[in-house]
Amino acid sequence: MNKFNENGLKHGPWKGYYSNGNLYYTENYVNGELHGKHESYWMNGSPMIKSNYNNGKRFGYFENFFDDGKLNLKKYYL
């Protein structure tokens, strides 16, 4: 996890954490480009963003949430 390829680009699954140890985000990279599912969370653990990427561009559903977990915005990207 959190690795770089031979060209120094992010590659594979990545996770980030808040200073309190709670999960901040999970995402996947292919040769430095976001690719696949991306999720980020508020410090309290509630979802912040759920989205998908295809070669660095948003693709499919994008959802943004308030810190209480209620849906704020939902879009679909082609």
N, C-alpha and C. Protein backbone atom coordinates (compact mmCIF):
# COMPACT_ATOMS: atom_id res chain seq x y z
N MET A 1 0.83 -1.17 0.00
CA MET A 1 0.00 0.00 0.00
C MET A 1 0.88 1.25 0.00
N ASN A 2 0.37 2.34 -0.59
CA ASN A 2 1.09 3.60 -0.69
C ASN A 2 2.47 3.41 -1.32
N LYS A 3 2.48 2.87 -2.52
CA LYS A 3 3.73 2.60 -3.22
C LYS A 3 3.83 3.43 -4.49
N PHE A 4 5.07 3.55 -4.97
CA PHE A 4 5.36 4.24 -6.22
C PHE A 4 5.90 3.23 -7.22
N ASN A 5 5.68 3.51 -8.51
CA ASN A 5 6.25 2.64 -9.53
C ASN A 5 7.69 3.05 -9.82
N GLU A 6 8.32 2.40 -10.79
CA GLU A 6 9.73 2.66 -11.10
C GLU A 6 9.96 4.08 -11.62
N ASN A 7 8.89 4.77 -12.05
CA ASN A 7 9.00 6.15 -12.53
C ASN A 7 8.68 7.17 -11.43
N GLY A 8 8.47 6.69 -10.20
CA GLY A 8 8.19 7.59 -9.08
C GLY A 8 6.75 8.05 -9.00
N LEU A 9 5.85 7.39 -9.74
CA LEU A 9 4.44 7.75 -9.74
C LEU A 9 3.65 6.84 -8.80
N LYS A 10 2.62 7.41 -8.17
CA LYS A 10 1.77 6.59 -7.30
C LYS A 10 1.19 5.44 -8.11
N HIS A 11 1.18 4.25 -7.50
CA HIS A 11 0.68 3.08 -8.21
C HIS A 11 0.13 2.07 -7.20
N GLY A 12 -1.12 1.66 -7.41
CA GLY A 12 -1.75 0.70 -6.52
C GLY A 12 -2.62 1.39 -5.48
N PRO A 13 -3.07 0.63 -4.48
CA PRO A 13 -3.96 1.18 -3.45
C PRO A 13 -3.21 2.12 -2.50
N TRP A 14 -3.88 3.20 -2.13
CA TRP A 14 -3.35 4.18 -1.18
C TRP A 14 -4.38 4.44 -0.10
N LYS A 15 -3.90 4.68 1.11
CA LYS A 15 -4.75 5.07 2.22
C LYS A 15 -4.07 6.21 2.96
N GLY A 16 -4.90 7.13 3.47
CA GLY A 16 -4.40 8.22 4.30
C GLY A 16 -5.19 8.26 5.60
N TYR A 17 -4.56 8.77 6.65
CA TYR A 17 -5.17 8.77 7.98
C TYR A 17 -5.06 10.15 8.62
N TYR A 18 -6.05 10.47 9.43
CA TYR A 18 -5.99 11.66 10.26
C TYR A 18 -4.98 11.44 11.39
N SER A 19 -4.59 12.52 12.05
CA SER A 19 -3.63 12.41 13.15
C SER A 19 -4.19 11.59 14.32
N ASN A 20 -5.52 11.46 14.41
CA ASN A 20 -6.12 10.65 15.48
C ASN A 20 -6.19 9.17 15.11
N GLY A 21 -5.71 8.82 13.91
CA GLY A 21 -5.68 7.42 13.48
C GLY A 21 -6.87 7.00 12.65
N ASN A 22 -7.91 7.84 12.56
CA ASN A 22 -9.08 7.51 11.74
C ASN A 22 -8.74 7.59 10.26
N LEU A 23 -9.37 6.73 9.49
CA LEU A 23 -9.16 6.70 8.05
C LEU A 23 -9.64 8.00 7.41
N TYR A 24 -8.81 8.61 6.57
CA TYR A 24 -9.15 9.83 5.85
C TYR A 24 -9.59 9.50 4.42
N TYR A 25 -8.84 8.65 3.71
CA TYR A 25 -9.22 8.30 2.34
C TYR A 25 -8.66 6.94 1.94
N THR A 26 -9.32 6.36 0.95
CA THR A 26 -8.81 5.18 0.24
C THR A 26 -8.97 5.48 -1.24
N GLU A 27 -7.97 5.14 -2.02
CA GLU A 27 -8.02 5.38 -3.46
C GLU A 27 -7.02 4.47 -4.15
N ASN A 28 -7.11 4.41 -5.45
CA ASN A 28 -6.23 3.55 -6.22
C ASN A 28 -5.63 4.35 -7.37
N TYR A 29 -4.36 4.09 -7.65
CA TYR A 29 -3.65 4.78 -8.73
C TYR A 29 -3.10 3.77 -9.73
N VAL A 30 -3.04 4.20 -10.98
CA VAL A 30 -2.35 3.47 -12.03
C VAL A 30 -1.43 4.48 -12.71
N ASN A 31 -0.14 4.29 -12.53
CA ASN A 31 0.87 5.17 -13.11
C ASN A 31 0.60 6.65 -12.82
N GLY A 32 0.28 6.96 -11.57
CA GLY A 32 0.10 8.33 -11.13
C GLY A 32 -1.29 8.92 -11.34
N GLU A 33 -2.18 8.18 -11.98
CA GLU A 33 -3.54 8.65 -12.23
C GLU A 33 -4.52 7.91 -11.33
N LEU A 34 -5.45 8.66 -10.72
CA LEU A 34 -6.51 8.00 -9.96
C LEU A 34 -7.28 7.08 -10.89
N HIS A 35 -7.53 5.87 -10.43
CA HIS A 35 -8.23 4.91 -11.27
C HIS A 35 -8.96 3.92 -10.36
N GLY A 36 -10.29 3.93 -10.44
CA GLY A 36 -11.09 3.05 -9.60
C GLY A 36 -11.79 3.84 -8.51
N LYS A 37 -12.15 3.14 -7.45
CA LYS A 37 -12.94 3.73 -6.38
C LYS A 37 -12.11 4.66 -5.49
N HIS A 38 -12.72 5.79 -5.16
CA HIS A 38 -12.14 6.74 -4.21
C HIS A 38 -13.19 7.01 -3.14
N GLU A 39 -12.77 6.94 -1.88
CA GLU A 39 -13.65 7.29 -0.77
C GLU A 39 -12.86 8.11 0.23
N SER A 40 -13.49 9.17 0.73
CA SER A 40 -12.88 9.94 1.81
C SER A 40 -13.91 10.11 2.92
N TYR A 41 -13.38 10.35 4.13
CA TYR A 41 -14.21 10.35 5.32
C TYR A 41 -13.92 11.58 6.17
N TRP A 42 -14.94 12.04 6.88
CA TRP A 42 -14.77 13.09 7.87
C TRP A 42 -13.99 12.51 9.05
N MET A 43 -13.43 13.35 9.86
CA MET A 43 -12.65 12.90 11.01
C MET A 43 -13.48 12.03 11.95
N ASN A 44 -14.80 12.24 11.97
CA ASN A 44 -15.66 11.43 12.84
C ASN A 44 -16.00 10.06 12.25
N GLY A 45 -15.50 9.78 11.04
CA GLY A 45 -15.71 8.48 10.40
C GLY A 45 -16.86 8.45 9.41
N SER A 46 -17.68 9.50 9.36
CA SER A 46 -18.77 9.57 8.39
C SER A 46 -18.21 9.75 6.99
N PRO A 47 -18.89 9.22 5.95
CA PRO A 47 -18.39 9.41 4.59
C PRO A 47 -18.41 10.89 4.19
N MET A 48 -17.40 11.32 3.45
CA MET A 48 -17.32 12.67 2.92
C MET A 48 -17.58 12.65 1.42
N ILE A 49 -16.85 11.79 0.71
CA ILE A 49 -16.97 11.67 -0.74
C ILE A 49 -16.87 10.21 -1.13
N LYS A 50 -17.71 9.82 -2.07
CA LYS A 50 -17.61 8.51 -2.72
C LYS A 50 -17.64 8.76 -4.22
N SER A 51 -16.63 8.30 -4.92
CA SER A 51 -16.55 8.53 -6.36
C SER A 51 -15.71 7.46 -7.03
N ASN A 52 -15.73 7.49 -8.34
CA ASN A 52 -14.93 6.58 -9.15
C ASN A 52 -14.14 7.39 -10.17
N TYR A 53 -12.99 6.87 -10.53
CA TYR A 53 -12.13 7.52 -11.51
C TYR A 53 -11.74 6.53 -12.60
N ASN A 54 -11.56 7.06 -13.79
CA ASN A 54 -11.07 6.29 -14.92
C ASN A 54 -9.94 7.09 -15.55
N ASN A 55 -8.70 6.64 -15.38
CA ASN A 55 -7.52 7.31 -15.90
C ASN A 55 -7.45 8.78 -15.48
N GLY A 56 -7.70 9.05 -14.19
CA GLY A 56 -7.55 10.39 -13.65
C GLY A 56 -8.78 11.28 -13.76
N LYS A 57 -9.84 10.80 -14.40
CA LYS A 57 -11.05 11.61 -14.56
C LYS A 57 -12.21 10.95 -13.83
N ARG A 58 -13.05 11.80 -13.23
CA ARG A 58 -14.23 11.24 -12.56
C ARG A 58 -15.09 10.51 -13.57
N PHE A 59 -15.60 9.36 -13.11
CA PHE A 59 -16.42 8.53 -13.98
C PHE A 59 -17.49 7.87 -13.13
N GLY A 60 -18.73 7.95 -13.57
CA GLY A 60 -19.83 7.34 -12.83
C GLY A 60 -20.31 8.24 -11.72
N TYR A 61 -20.81 7.64 -10.66
CA TYR A 61 -21.42 8.40 -9.58
C TYR A 61 -20.38 9.10 -8.70
N PHE A 62 -20.72 10.32 -8.33
CA PHE A 62 -19.97 11.13 -7.38
C PHE A 62 -20.96 11.54 -6.31
N GLU A 63 -20.64 11.25 -5.05
CA GLU A 63 -21.51 11.61 -3.94
C GLU A 63 -20.71 12.37 -2.90
N ASN A 64 -21.28 13.46 -2.42
CA ASN A 64 -20.67 14.28 -1.38
C ASN A 64 -21.62 14.32 -0.19
N PHE A 65 -21.09 14.16 1.02
CA PHE A 65 -21.91 14.04 2.22
C PHE A 65 -21.57 15.13 3.23
N PHE A 66 -22.56 15.53 4.01
CA PHE A 66 -22.33 16.39 5.17
C PHE A 66 -21.64 15.56 6.25
N ASP A 67 -21.06 16.22 7.25
CA ASP A 67 -20.32 15.48 8.28
C ASP A 67 -21.22 14.63 9.17
N ASP A 68 -22.54 14.80 9.06
CA ASP A 68 -23.44 13.93 9.82
C ASP A 68 -23.87 12.70 9.02
N GLY A 69 -23.30 12.55 7.80
CA GLY A 69 -23.57 11.39 6.97
C GLY A 69 -24.70 11.56 5.98
N LYS A 70 -25.41 12.70 6.02
CA LYS A 70 -26.52 12.94 5.08
C LYS A 70 -25.96 13.37 3.73
N LEU A 71 -26.61 12.87 2.67
CA LEU A 71 -26.19 13.18 1.30
C LEU A 71 -26.36 14.66 1.01
N ASN A 72 -25.33 15.28 0.49
CA ASN A 72 -25.35 16.69 0.11
C ASN A 72 -25.53 16.84 -1.39
N LEU A 73 -24.83 16.05 -2.18
CA LEU A 73 -24.80 16.21 -3.62
C LEU A 73 -24.55 14.86 -4.28
N LYS A 74 -25.24 14.62 -5.39
CA LYS A 74 -25.01 13.40 -6.15
C LYS A 74 -24.98 13.77 -7.63
N LYS A 75 -23.92 13.38 -8.31
CA LYS A 75 -23.75 13.66 -9.74
C LYS A 75 -23.34 12.38 -10.45
N TYR A 76 -23.49 12.40 -11.76
CA TYR A 76 -23.03 11.28 -12.57
C TYR A 76 -22.13 11.84 -13.67
N TYR A 77 -20.93 11.29 -13.77
CA TYR A 77 -19.96 11.73 -14.77
C TYR A 77 -19.82 10.67 -15.84
N LEU A 78 -19.76 11.11 -17.09
CA LEU A 78 -19.55 10.19 -18.21
C LEU A 78 -18.10 10.16 -18.62
